[in-house]
Amino acid sequence: MSTQTLNELLLAATECYQLNLTERAENLYAQALRINPRHAGALFNMGTLLLRRGVLKGDALVQDAFALDAGNEIDRNKAVHLLIQIYLAQAYKKHAQVWLEYAAIHQLEIPDFNALKKQIEIPAYLEKTIYSPAQKKQLERYSPIESNSYVYAIDIVGGCNLRCPVIPPPLNLT
């Protein structure tokens, strides 16, 4: 296939991506990558499309795109900012943390860097170690995973009312 066809595919894929026609855009980027598997822009956009669907394989495509981007086709400031936002929207804080560290190491200009950093940080009450005054020592726990979709239920009765569907009603022995 010719360069003309590749450019047409990339242009159509980009338009679909901007119009949020993600399935169509993904198909077009896949076609473009069959023609040129080392196209940095196509790899990056395909990677972000996959990440938006929660497919973590997209991160490898993004990393490949950065490695192949010799002509600086990808604006790293915007790209890393987008990746952090995608990961936070998917509640993948650890993955977002990796890209935030990448931004710091490469001195990228992320507009709301401190706000994103604060959003990613684990709250103090969920730290990996905590001091127990009763035992007078540091206790360790598993790394917490926070989600925006947790639902907390607080039992204010402190006992069973025997009305839940799991427990059969008490037998009347009289």
N, C-alpha and C. Protein backbone atom coordinates (compact mmCIF):
# COMPACT_ATOMS: atom_id res chain seq x y z
N MET A 1 0.84 -1.19 0.00
CA MET A 1 0.00 0.00 0.00
C MET A 1 0.88 1.24 0.00
N SER A 2 0.33 2.30 -0.48
CA SER A 2 1.11 3.53 -0.62
C SER A 2 1.05 4.39 0.63
N THR A 3 1.95 5.39 0.66
CA THR A 3 1.97 6.35 1.76
C THR A 3 0.68 7.14 1.79
N GLN A 4 0.13 7.40 0.62
CA GLN A 4 -1.14 8.12 0.50
C GLN A 4 -2.24 7.38 1.27
N THR A 5 -2.31 6.06 1.08
CA THR A 5 -3.33 5.26 1.76
C THR A 5 -3.12 5.29 3.26
N LEU A 6 -1.86 5.19 3.72
CA LEU A 6 -1.56 5.24 5.14
C LEU A 6 -1.99 6.58 5.72
N ASN A 7 -1.65 7.66 5.05
CA ASN A 7 -2.04 8.99 5.54
C ASN A 7 -3.55 9.16 5.57
N GLU A 8 -4.24 8.62 4.56
CA GLU A 8 -5.70 8.69 4.55
C GLU A 8 -6.31 7.91 5.71
N LEU A 9 -5.76 6.73 5.97
CA LEU A 9 -6.24 5.93 7.11
C LEU A 9 -6.02 6.66 8.43
N LEU A 10 -4.84 7.25 8.60
CA LEU A 10 -4.52 7.97 9.83
C LEU A 10 -5.41 9.19 10.01
N LEU A 11 -5.67 9.90 8.92
CA LEU A 11 -6.53 11.07 8.98
C LEU A 11 -7.96 10.67 9.36
N ALA A 12 -8.47 9.61 8.72
CA ALA A 12 -9.82 9.13 9.03
C ALA A 12 -9.90 8.63 10.47
N ALA A 13 -8.86 7.93 10.92
CA ALA A 13 -8.84 7.41 12.29
C ALA A 13 -8.82 8.55 13.30
N THR A 14 -8.03 9.57 13.02
CA THR A 14 -7.96 10.72 13.92
C THR A 14 -9.30 11.44 13.99
N GLU A 15 -9.97 11.59 12.87
CA GLU A 15 -11.29 12.22 12.86
C GLU A 15 -12.29 11.41 13.68
N CYS A 16 -12.26 10.09 13.52
CA CYS A 16 -13.17 9.22 14.29
C CYS A 16 -12.85 9.31 15.78
N TYR A 17 -11.56 9.36 16.11
CA TYR A 17 -11.14 9.47 17.51
C TYR A 17 -11.68 10.77 18.12
N GLN A 18 -11.55 11.87 17.38
CA GLN A 18 -12.02 13.16 17.88
C GLN A 18 -13.53 13.21 18.01
N LEU A 19 -14.23 12.46 17.15
CA LEU A 19 -15.70 12.41 17.21
C LEU A 19 -16.20 11.34 18.19
N ASN A 20 -15.27 10.71 18.91
CA ASN A 20 -15.58 9.69 19.90
C ASN A 20 -16.20 8.44 19.27
N LEU A 21 -15.87 8.18 18.01
CA LEU A 21 -16.27 6.95 17.34
C LEU A 21 -15.13 5.95 17.54
N THR A 22 -14.99 5.50 18.79
CA THR A 22 -13.80 4.77 19.19
C THR A 22 -13.64 3.43 18.48
N GLU A 23 -14.71 2.71 18.28
CA GLU A 23 -14.59 1.40 17.63
C GLU A 23 -14.09 1.56 16.19
N ARG A 24 -14.65 2.53 15.49
CA ARG A 24 -14.23 2.80 14.10
C ARG A 24 -12.77 3.27 14.07
N ALA A 25 -12.43 4.17 15.00
CA ALA A 25 -11.06 4.68 15.07
C ALA A 25 -10.08 3.54 15.35
N GLU A 26 -10.44 2.65 16.25
CA GLU A 26 -9.58 1.52 16.59
C GLU A 26 -9.33 0.63 15.37
N ASN A 27 -10.38 0.38 14.60
CA ASN A 27 -10.23 -0.43 13.38
C ASN A 27 -9.32 0.26 12.36
N LEU A 28 -9.48 1.56 12.21
CA LEU A 28 -8.65 2.30 11.25
C LEU A 28 -7.18 2.33 11.69
N TYR A 29 -6.95 2.54 12.99
CA TYR A 29 -5.57 2.52 13.49
C TYR A 29 -4.95 1.13 13.33
N ALA A 30 -5.75 0.07 13.53
CA ALA A 30 -5.25 -1.29 13.33
C ALA A 30 -4.84 -1.50 11.88
N GLN A 31 -5.64 -1.00 10.94
CA GLN A 31 -5.28 -1.10 9.52
C GLN A 31 -3.99 -0.34 9.23
N ALA A 32 -3.89 0.86 9.80
CA ALA A 32 -2.69 1.68 9.58
C ALA A 32 -1.46 0.99 10.16
N LEU A 33 -1.61 0.35 11.31
CA LEU A 33 -0.47 -0.33 11.93
C LEU A 33 -0.08 -1.61 11.18
N ARG A 34 -1.01 -2.18 10.44
CA ARG A 34 -0.65 -3.32 9.59
C ARG A 34 0.24 -2.85 8.43
N ILE A 35 -0.01 -1.63 7.97
CA ILE A 35 0.82 -1.06 6.90
C ILE A 35 2.17 -0.63 7.45
N ASN A 36 2.17 0.09 8.57
CA ASN A 36 3.41 0.56 9.19
C ASN A 36 3.33 0.33 10.70
N PRO A 37 3.82 -0.82 11.18
CA PRO A 37 3.72 -1.13 12.61
C PRO A 37 4.59 -0.25 13.50
N ARG A 38 5.42 0.58 12.91
CA ARG A 38 6.31 1.44 13.70
C ARG A 38 5.90 2.92 13.65
N HIS A 39 4.67 3.19 13.30
CA HIS A 39 4.19 4.58 13.24
C HIS A 39 3.84 5.05 14.65
N ALA A 40 4.62 5.98 15.18
CA ALA A 40 4.50 6.40 16.57
C ALA A 40 3.12 6.98 16.89
N GLY A 41 2.61 7.83 16.02
CA GLY A 41 1.31 8.46 16.28
C GLY A 41 0.18 7.44 16.33
N ALA A 42 0.21 6.49 15.39
CA ALA A 42 -0.83 5.45 15.37
C ALA A 42 -0.73 4.56 16.59
N LEU A 43 0.50 4.21 16.99
CA LEU A 43 0.69 3.39 18.19
C LEU A 43 0.16 4.10 19.44
N PHE A 44 0.50 5.40 19.54
CA PHE A 44 0.05 6.16 20.72
C PHE A 44 -1.47 6.24 20.77
N ASN A 45 -2.09 6.61 19.66
CA ASN A 45 -3.55 6.75 19.65
C ASN A 45 -4.25 5.41 19.87
N MET A 46 -3.73 4.34 19.29
CA MET A 46 -4.30 3.01 19.51
C MET A 46 -4.15 2.64 20.98
N GLY A 47 -3.00 2.93 21.56
CA GLY A 47 -2.77 2.65 22.97
C GLY A 47 -3.75 3.38 23.87
N THR A 48 -3.98 4.67 23.60
CA THR A 48 -4.91 5.42 24.44
C THR A 48 -6.35 4.95 24.26
N LEU A 49 -6.69 4.54 23.05
CA LEU A 49 -8.03 3.98 22.84
C LEU A 49 -8.23 2.72 23.68
N LEU A 50 -7.22 1.85 23.68
CA LEU A 50 -7.31 0.63 24.49
C LEU A 50 -7.37 0.95 25.98
N LEU A 51 -6.57 1.91 26.42
CA LEU A 51 -6.57 2.28 27.83
C LEU A 51 -7.92 2.85 28.27
N ARG A 52 -8.56 3.61 27.41
CA ARG A 52 -9.89 4.15 27.74
C ARG A 52 -10.91 3.03 27.93
N ARG A 53 -10.69 1.89 27.27
CA ARG A 53 -11.57 0.74 27.45
C ARG A 53 -11.14 -0.13 28.62
N GLY A 54 -10.05 0.26 29.29
CA GLY A 54 -9.56 -0.51 30.43
C GLY A 54 -8.64 -1.65 30.04
N VAL A 55 -8.16 -1.66 28.80
CA VAL A 55 -7.24 -2.71 28.33
C VAL A 55 -5.82 -2.20 28.56
N LEU A 56 -5.14 -2.78 29.56
CA LEU A 56 -3.83 -2.28 29.95
C LEU A 56 -2.73 -2.58 28.93
N LYS A 57 -3.03 -3.41 27.94
CA LYS A 57 -2.09 -3.67 26.85
C LYS A 57 -1.78 -2.36 26.12
N GLY A 58 -2.67 -1.42 26.20
CA GLY A 58 -2.46 -0.13 25.55
C GLY A 58 -1.24 0.61 26.06
N ASP A 59 -0.87 0.37 27.32
CA ASP A 59 0.30 1.03 27.89
C ASP A 59 1.57 0.63 27.16
N ALA A 60 1.67 -0.64 26.78
CA ALA A 60 2.84 -1.10 26.03
C ALA A 60 2.92 -0.41 24.67
N LEU A 61 1.76 -0.20 24.03
CA LEU A 61 1.75 0.50 22.75
C LEU A 61 2.21 1.94 22.90
N VAL A 62 1.77 2.58 23.99
CA VAL A 62 2.18 3.96 24.25
C VAL A 62 3.69 4.02 24.48
N GLN A 63 4.22 3.09 25.25
CA GLN A 63 5.66 3.07 25.50
C GLN A 63 6.43 2.83 24.21
N ASP A 64 5.93 1.94 23.36
CA ASP A 64 6.55 1.71 22.05
C ASP A 64 6.52 2.99 21.21
N ALA A 65 5.40 3.69 21.27
CA ALA A 65 5.26 4.94 20.50
C ALA A 65 6.30 5.95 20.95
N PHE A 66 6.49 6.08 22.26
CA PHE A 66 7.49 7.02 22.77
C PHE A 66 8.90 6.61 22.33
N ALA A 67 9.17 5.32 22.33
CA ALA A 67 10.49 4.84 21.93
C ALA A 67 10.75 5.08 20.44
N LEU A 68 9.71 4.97 19.62
CA LEU A 68 9.86 5.13 18.17
C LEU A 68 9.75 6.58 17.70
N ASP A 69 9.36 7.48 18.58
CA ASP A 69 9.09 8.86 18.20
C ASP A 69 10.37 9.68 18.08
N ALA A 70 11.16 9.38 17.07
CA ALA A 70 12.42 10.09 16.85
C ALA A 70 12.19 11.51 16.35
N GLY A 71 11.11 11.73 15.61
CA GLY A 71 10.84 13.04 15.04
C GLY A 71 10.02 13.94 15.96
N ASN A 72 9.85 13.53 17.20
CA ASN A 72 9.06 14.29 18.17
C ASN A 72 7.67 14.63 17.64
N GLU A 73 7.05 13.63 17.02
CA GLU A 73 5.69 13.79 16.51
C GLU A 73 4.68 13.91 17.66
N ILE A 74 4.99 13.25 18.77
CA ILE A 74 4.09 13.23 19.92
C ILE A 74 4.50 14.33 20.90
N ASP A 75 3.55 15.16 21.28
CA ASP A 75 3.79 16.18 22.30
C ASP A 75 3.75 15.48 23.66
N ARG A 76 4.91 15.25 24.24
CA ARG A 76 5.00 14.45 25.47
C ARG A 76 4.26 15.10 26.63
N ASN A 77 4.26 16.42 26.71
CA ASN A 77 3.55 17.09 27.80
C ASN A 77 2.06 16.73 27.77
N LYS A 78 1.45 16.90 26.61
CA LYS A 78 0.02 16.59 26.47
C LYS A 78 -0.24 15.10 26.58
N ALA A 79 0.66 14.30 25.99
CA ALA A 79 0.47 12.85 25.98
C ALA A 79 0.48 12.27 27.38
N VAL A 80 1.47 12.65 28.18
CA VAL A 80 1.57 12.11 29.54
C VAL A 80 0.42 12.63 30.39
N HIS A 81 0.04 13.86 30.21
CA HIS A 81 -1.11 14.41 30.93
C HIS A 81 -2.37 13.62 30.61
N LEU A 82 -2.55 13.31 29.33
CA LEU A 82 -3.71 12.51 28.90
C LEU A 82 -3.67 11.11 29.52
N LEU A 83 -2.50 10.49 29.53
CA LEU A 83 -2.37 9.15 30.10
C LEU A 83 -2.73 9.14 31.58
N ILE A 84 -2.25 10.13 32.31
CA ILE A 84 -2.56 10.21 33.75
C ILE A 84 -4.06 10.37 33.94
N GLN A 85 -4.68 11.22 33.16
CA GLN A 85 -6.12 11.43 33.28
C GLN A 85 -6.91 10.15 32.95
N ILE A 86 -6.47 9.43 31.92
CA ILE A 86 -7.14 8.17 31.55
C ILE A 86 -7.04 7.17 32.70
N TYR A 87 -5.84 7.03 33.25
CA TYR A 87 -5.66 6.07 34.34
C TYR A 87 -6.46 6.47 35.58
N LEU A 88 -6.52 7.74 35.87
CA LEU A 88 -7.32 8.16 37.03
C LEU A 88 -8.80 7.94 36.79
N ALA A 89 -9.27 8.16 35.57
CA ALA A 89 -10.67 7.91 35.25
C ALA A 89 -11.01 6.42 35.38
N GLN A 90 -10.02 5.56 35.14
CA GLN A 90 -10.22 4.11 35.27
C GLN A 90 -9.92 3.62 36.69
N ALA A 91 -9.53 4.53 37.58
CA ALA A 91 -9.17 4.23 38.98
C ALA A 91 -7.91 3.36 39.07
N TYR A 92 -6.97 3.55 38.13
CA TYR A 92 -5.68 2.86 38.16
C TYR A 92 -4.63 3.84 38.69
N LYS A 93 -4.66 4.06 39.99
CA LYS A 93 -3.77 5.07 40.58
C LYS A 93 -2.31 4.68 40.48
N LYS A 94 -2.00 3.40 40.60
CA LYS A 94 -0.59 2.99 40.53
C LYS A 94 -0.02 3.24 39.13
N HIS A 95 -0.81 3.00 38.10
CA HIS A 95 -0.36 3.25 36.74
C HIS A 95 -0.20 4.76 36.50
N ALA A 96 -1.13 5.52 37.04
CA ALA A 96 -1.04 6.99 36.91
C ALA A 96 0.21 7.49 37.62
N GLN A 97 0.55 6.88 38.75
CA GLN A 97 1.74 7.27 39.51
C GLN A 97 3.01 7.07 38.67
N VAL A 98 3.06 5.98 37.92
CA VAL A 98 4.23 5.70 37.07
C VAL A 98 4.42 6.83 36.05
N TRP A 99 3.32 7.25 35.42
CA TRP A 99 3.43 8.31 34.40
C TRP A 99 3.69 9.67 35.03
N LEU A 100 3.21 9.88 36.25
CA LEU A 100 3.51 11.13 36.95
C LEU A 100 5.01 11.19 37.28
N GLU A 101 5.57 10.07 37.68
CA GLU A 101 7.01 10.01 37.94
C GLU A 101 7.79 10.22 36.64
N TYR A 102 7.30 9.67 35.55
CA TYR A 102 7.93 9.88 34.23
C TYR A 102 7.95 11.37 33.92
N ALA A 103 6.85 12.04 34.17
CA ALA A 103 6.77 13.48 33.90
C ALA A 103 7.78 14.26 34.74
N ALA A 104 7.93 13.85 36.00
CA ALA A 104 8.87 14.54 36.88
C ALA A 104 10.31 14.29 36.43
N ILE A 105 10.64 13.05 36.08
CA ILE A 105 12.00 12.72 35.65
C ILE A 105 12.37 13.45 34.37
N HIS A 106 11.44 13.51 33.42
CA HIS A 106 11.71 14.14 32.13
C HIS A 106 11.37 15.63 32.11
N GLN A 107 11.04 16.17 33.28
CA GLN A 107 10.74 17.59 33.46
C GLN A 107 9.69 18.09 32.45
N LEU A 108 8.61 17.32 32.35
CA LEU A 108 7.52 17.71 31.47
C LEU A 108 6.65 18.75 32.15
N GLU A 109 6.04 19.58 31.36
CA GLU A 109 5.17 20.62 31.90
C GLU A 109 3.73 20.11 31.90
N ILE A 110 3.31 19.65 33.07
CA ILE A 110 1.95 19.16 33.26
C ILE A 110 1.19 20.28 33.97
N PRO A 111 0.13 20.82 33.38
CA PRO A 111 -0.54 22.00 33.93
C PRO A 111 -0.97 21.87 35.39
N ASP A 112 -1.59 20.77 35.75
CA ASP A 112 -2.09 20.61 37.12
C ASP A 112 -1.33 19.49 37.83
N PHE A 113 0.00 19.54 37.74
CA PHE A 113 0.86 18.49 38.27
C PHE A 113 0.58 18.23 39.75
N ASN A 114 0.56 19.27 40.56
CA ASN A 114 0.37 19.10 42.01
C ASN A 114 -1.01 18.55 42.33
N ALA A 115 -2.02 18.99 41.61
CA ALA A 115 -3.37 18.48 41.85
C ALA A 115 -3.45 17.00 41.48
N LEU A 116 -2.82 16.62 40.37
CA LEU A 116 -2.81 15.21 39.97
C LEU A 116 -2.03 14.37 40.98
N LYS A 117 -0.92 14.91 41.44
CA LYS A 117 -0.11 14.20 42.45
C LYS A 117 -0.91 13.97 43.72
N LYS A 118 -1.64 14.98 44.13
CA LYS A 118 -2.47 14.85 45.34
C LYS A 118 -3.59 13.83 45.13
N GLN A 119 -4.13 13.79 43.94
CA GLN A 119 -5.20 12.85 43.62
C GLN A 119 -4.69 11.41 43.62
N ILE A 120 -3.44 11.22 43.28
CA ILE A 120 -2.85 9.89 43.19
C ILE A 120 -2.36 9.38 44.54
N GLU A 121 -1.93 10.28 45.39
CA GLU A 121 -1.35 9.88 46.68
C GLU A 121 -2.33 9.06 47.51
N ILE A 122 -1.77 8.10 48.21
CA ILE A 122 -2.58 7.29 49.12
C ILE A 122 -2.81 8.12 50.39
N PRO A 123 -4.06 8.23 50.83
CA PRO A 123 -4.34 8.99 52.04
C PRO A 123 -3.60 8.41 53.25
N ALA A 124 -3.29 9.26 54.21
CA ALA A 124 -2.52 8.84 55.38
C ALA A 124 -3.17 7.67 56.12
N TYR A 125 -4.49 7.63 56.14
CA TYR A 125 -5.16 6.56 56.87
C TYR A 125 -5.06 5.21 56.16
N LEU A 126 -4.52 5.19 54.95
CA LEU A 126 -4.34 3.94 54.22
C LEU A 126 -2.87 3.61 53.97
N GLU A 127 -1.98 4.24 54.70
CA GLU A 127 -0.55 3.99 54.51
C GLU A 127 -0.22 2.52 54.74
N LYS A 128 0.87 2.09 54.13
CA LYS A 128 1.28 0.68 54.20
C LYS A 128 1.66 0.28 55.63
N THR A 129 2.25 1.19 56.36
CA THR A 129 2.58 0.90 57.76
C THR A 129 1.86 1.89 58.65
N ILE A 130 1.48 1.42 59.83
CA ILE A 130 0.81 2.28 60.79
C ILE A 130 1.28 1.88 62.18
N TYR A 131 1.42 2.87 63.05
CA TYR A 131 1.88 2.60 64.41
C TYR A 131 0.70 2.20 65.28
N SER A 132 0.87 1.11 66.02
CA SER A 132 -0.16 0.64 66.96
C SER A 132 0.27 1.00 68.37
N PRO A 133 -0.43 1.95 69.00
CA PRO A 133 -0.07 2.31 70.38
C PRO A 133 -0.28 1.13 71.35
N ALA A 134 -1.27 0.30 71.09
CA ALA A 134 -1.53 -0.84 71.97
C ALA A 134 -0.37 -1.84 71.94
N GLN A 135 0.16 -2.11 70.75
CA GLN A 135 1.26 -3.08 70.62
C GLN A 135 2.63 -2.41 70.65
N LYS A 136 2.64 -1.09 70.58
CA LYS A 136 3.87 -0.29 70.61
C LYS A 136 4.86 -0.72 69.51
N LYS A 137 4.31 -0.88 68.30
CA LYS A 137 5.17 -1.22 67.17
C LYS A 137 4.48 -0.84 65.87
N GLN A 138 5.29 -0.80 64.78
CA GLN A 138 4.76 -0.52 63.45
C GLN A 138 4.11 -1.79 62.91
N LEU A 139 2.93 -1.66 62.36
CA LEU A 139 2.24 -2.78 61.75
C LEU A 139 2.21 -2.55 60.24
N GLU A 140 2.36 -3.63 59.48
CA GLU A 140 2.30 -3.53 58.02
C GLU A 140 1.01 -4.14 57.53
N ARG A 141 0.52 -3.61 56.41
CA ARG A 141 -0.68 -4.16 55.80
C ARG A 141 -0.51 -4.15 54.29
N TYR A 142 -1.41 -4.87 53.63
CA TYR A 142 -1.35 -4.92 52.17
C TYR A 142 -1.60 -3.53 51.59
N SER A 143 -1.06 -3.31 50.41
CA SER A 143 -1.28 -2.04 49.74
C SER A 143 -2.77 -1.87 49.46
N PRO A 144 -3.32 -0.73 49.80
CA PRO A 144 -4.74 -0.52 49.56
C PRO A 144 -5.03 -0.22 48.10
N ILE A 145 -6.21 -0.55 47.70
CA ILE A 145 -6.68 -0.18 46.37
C ILE A 145 -7.96 0.60 46.59
N GLU A 146 -7.92 1.87 46.27
CA GLU A 146 -9.10 2.70 46.45
C GLU A 146 -9.85 2.81 45.15
N SER A 147 -11.12 2.92 45.26
CA SER A 147 -11.95 3.07 44.08
C SER A 147 -13.01 4.12 44.36
N ASN A 148 -13.43 4.80 43.31
CA ASN A 148 -14.51 5.77 43.46
C ASN A 148 -15.86 5.09 43.52
N SER A 149 -15.88 3.78 43.28
CA SER A 149 -17.16 3.08 43.20
C SER A 149 -17.48 2.24 44.44
N TYR A 150 -16.70 2.38 45.50
CA TYR A 150 -17.00 1.63 46.72
C TYR A 150 -18.29 2.14 47.35
N VAL A 151 -19.04 1.25 47.95
CA VAL A 151 -20.22 1.63 48.70
C VAL A 151 -20.00 1.14 50.13
N TYR A 152 -20.07 2.04 51.07
CA TYR A 152 -19.86 1.69 52.46
C TYR A 152 -21.20 1.52 53.15
N ALA A 153 -21.34 0.44 53.92
CA ALA A 153 -22.55 0.19 54.68
C ALA A 153 -22.17 0.18 56.15
N ILE A 154 -22.85 0.99 56.93
CA ILE A 154 -22.56 1.09 58.36
C ILE A 154 -23.72 0.48 59.13
N ASP A 155 -23.41 -0.50 59.96
CA ASP A 155 -24.41 -1.18 60.77
C ASP A 155 -24.52 -0.43 62.09
N ILE A 156 -25.64 0.22 62.32
CA ILE A 156 -25.80 0.99 63.57
C ILE A 156 -26.50 0.18 64.66
N VAL A 157 -26.98 -1.02 64.30
CA VAL A 157 -27.70 -1.84 65.28
C VAL A 157 -26.73 -2.69 66.08
N GLY A 158 -25.74 -3.26 65.43
CA GLY A 158 -24.76 -4.07 66.13
C GLY A 158 -25.23 -5.49 66.40
N GLY A 159 -26.31 -5.88 65.79
CA GLY A 159 -26.81 -7.24 66.00
C GLY A 159 -27.65 -7.67 64.83
N CYS A 160 -28.04 -8.92 64.83
CA CYS A 160 -28.83 -9.47 63.74
C CYS A 160 -30.31 -9.29 64.03
N ASN A 161 -31.05 -8.82 63.06
CA ASN A 161 -32.49 -8.66 63.26
C ASN A 161 -33.27 -9.86 62.73
N LEU A 162 -32.56 -10.88 62.25
CA LEU A 162 -33.15 -12.12 61.75
C LEU A 162 -34.15 -11.89 60.61
N ARG A 163 -33.99 -10.84 59.86
CA ARG A 163 -34.89 -10.57 58.75
C ARG A 163 -34.18 -10.62 57.39
N CYS A 164 -32.92 -10.95 57.40
CA CYS A 164 -32.23 -10.97 56.11
C CYS A 164 -32.58 -12.24 55.34
N PRO A 165 -32.51 -12.23 54.02
CA PRO A 165 -32.92 -13.38 53.23
C PRO A 165 -31.98 -14.59 53.34
N VAL A 166 -30.79 -14.40 53.86
CA VAL A 166 -29.83 -15.48 53.95
C VAL A 166 -30.19 -16.43 55.09
N ILE A 167 -30.64 -15.88 56.20
CA ILE A 167 -30.95 -16.68 57.39
C ILE A 167 -32.44 -17.01 57.38
N PRO A 168 -32.78 -18.29 57.51
CA PRO A 168 -34.19 -18.65 57.54
C PRO A 168 -34.83 -18.13 58.83
N PRO A 169 -36.14 -17.91 58.81
CA PRO A 169 -36.81 -17.41 60.02
C PRO A 169 -36.71 -18.43 61.15
N PRO A 170 -36.73 -17.95 62.40
CA PRO A 170 -36.60 -18.88 63.53
C PRO A 170 -37.81 -19.86 63.58
N LEU A 171 -37.54 -21.06 64.04
CA LEU A 171 -38.60 -22.07 64.15
C LEU A 171 -39.46 -21.78 65.39
N ASN A 172 -40.74 -22.00 65.23
CA ASN A 172 -41.65 -21.83 66.34
C ASN A 172 -41.85 -23.23 66.95
N LEU A 173 -41.25 -23.46 68.10
CA LEU A 173 -41.30 -24.79 68.73
C LEU A 173 -42.42 -24.95 69.73
N THR A 174 -43.34 -24.04 69.81
CA THR A 174 -44.43 -24.19 70.79
C THR A 174 -45.64 -24.87 70.24
